[in-house]
Protein backbone atom coordinates (compact mmCIF):
# COMPACT_ATOMS: atom_id res chain seq x y z
CA MET A 1 32.95 152.33 44.73
CA GLN A 2 33.36 155.35 42.49
CA LEU A 3 31.70 156.47 39.29
CA PHE A 4 33.93 156.26 36.23
CA SER A 5 33.24 156.50 32.52
CA TYR A 6 34.94 154.71 29.66
CA ASN A 7 34.95 154.74 25.90
CA PHE A 8 36.87 153.43 22.93
CA THR A 9 39.28 155.85 21.30
CA ASP A 10 42.23 156.06 18.94
CA LEU A 11 43.47 159.06 20.98
CA THR A 12 43.29 161.34 17.95
CA SER A 13 40.07 161.60 15.98
CA PHE A 14 37.77 158.76 17.09
CA ASN A 15 35.89 158.59 20.40
CA SER A 16 32.91 156.31 20.95
CA PRO A 17 30.07 157.44 23.20
CA SER A 18 30.99 157.06 26.88
CA GLU A 19 29.48 154.54 29.25
CA GLU A 20 29.40 154.93 33.04
CA VAL A 21 30.33 152.26 35.56
CA TRP A 22 30.52 152.09 39.34
CA ILE A 23 33.73 150.31 40.30
CA ALA A 24 36.44 150.32 42.95
CA ARG A 25 39.47 152.34 41.86
CA GLU A 26 41.80 149.39 42.45
CA ASP A 27 39.75 147.30 39.99
CA LEU A 28 40.02 149.77 37.10
CA PHE A 29 42.91 148.17 35.21
CA GLY A 30 41.32 144.72 35.40
CA PHE A 31 38.00 146.16 34.28
CA ALA A 32 39.51 147.99 31.31
CA SER A 33 41.52 144.91 30.29
CA ARG A 34 38.37 142.77 30.40
CA VAL A 35 36.39 145.29 28.33
CA ALA A 36 39.21 145.38 25.75
CA ARG A 37 39.36 141.55 25.54
CA GLU A 38 35.59 141.24 25.24
CA MET A 39 35.34 143.91 22.53
CA LEU A 40 38.14 142.32 20.49
CA ALA A 41 36.51 138.90 20.86
CA ALA A 42 33.16 140.29 19.72
CA VAL A 43 34.61 142.37 16.86
CA PRO A 44 37.91 140.84 15.71
CA ASP A 45 38.10 143.31 12.81
CA LEU A 46 39.21 145.92 15.38
CA THR A 47 42.64 144.26 15.57
CA ASN A 48 45.50 146.58 14.54
CA LYS A 49 43.28 149.67 14.41
CA GLY A 50 45.09 151.48 17.22
CA LEU A 51 42.07 151.57 19.53
CA CYS A 52 42.12 151.52 23.28
CA VAL A 53 39.75 151.64 26.22
CA ALA A 54 40.02 155.00 27.95
CA VAL A 55 38.80 155.31 31.55
CA TYR A 56 37.94 158.70 33.10
CA ASP A 57 37.11 159.81 36.62
CA GLU A 58 34.03 161.87 37.51
CA ALA A 59 35.89 165.10 36.64
CA GLY A 60 36.66 163.79 33.15
CA GLN A 61 40.37 163.27 33.83
CA ALA A 62 41.93 160.28 32.07
CA ILE A 63 42.86 157.55 34.54
CA SER A 64 43.85 154.68 32.28
CA TYR A 65 44.35 153.74 28.63
CA VAL A 66 44.35 150.05 27.75
CA PRO A 67 45.02 148.99 24.11
CA LEU A 68 42.58 146.56 22.52
CA ASP A 69 45.46 144.50 21.14
CA SER A 70 49.24 144.46 21.23
CA LEU A 71 51.18 147.57 20.25
CA HIS A 72 53.35 147.46 17.16
C-alpha cells in the first residue's frame, strides 16, 4: 500500500481540495474510476463540465487522470 492523494480538476483553473488515500498502485485506475462514477452519480450536474479525478503520488507527481464523464 502507498499513500496517494486525489482531487477533482478541470486541468486549467479549478482544483478541489486534495484527499489522501492508502491504496495499492495497481488499484489506482479502478479507484479513480469508482470515485468519478460515484461523484457523477451524486452530482449529475457535473456532466459535461470537463472535470476529472487526478491522482498524485507522495511527491505530488500526477499518476492518473480519469474524466468524470465521456470526452467530447
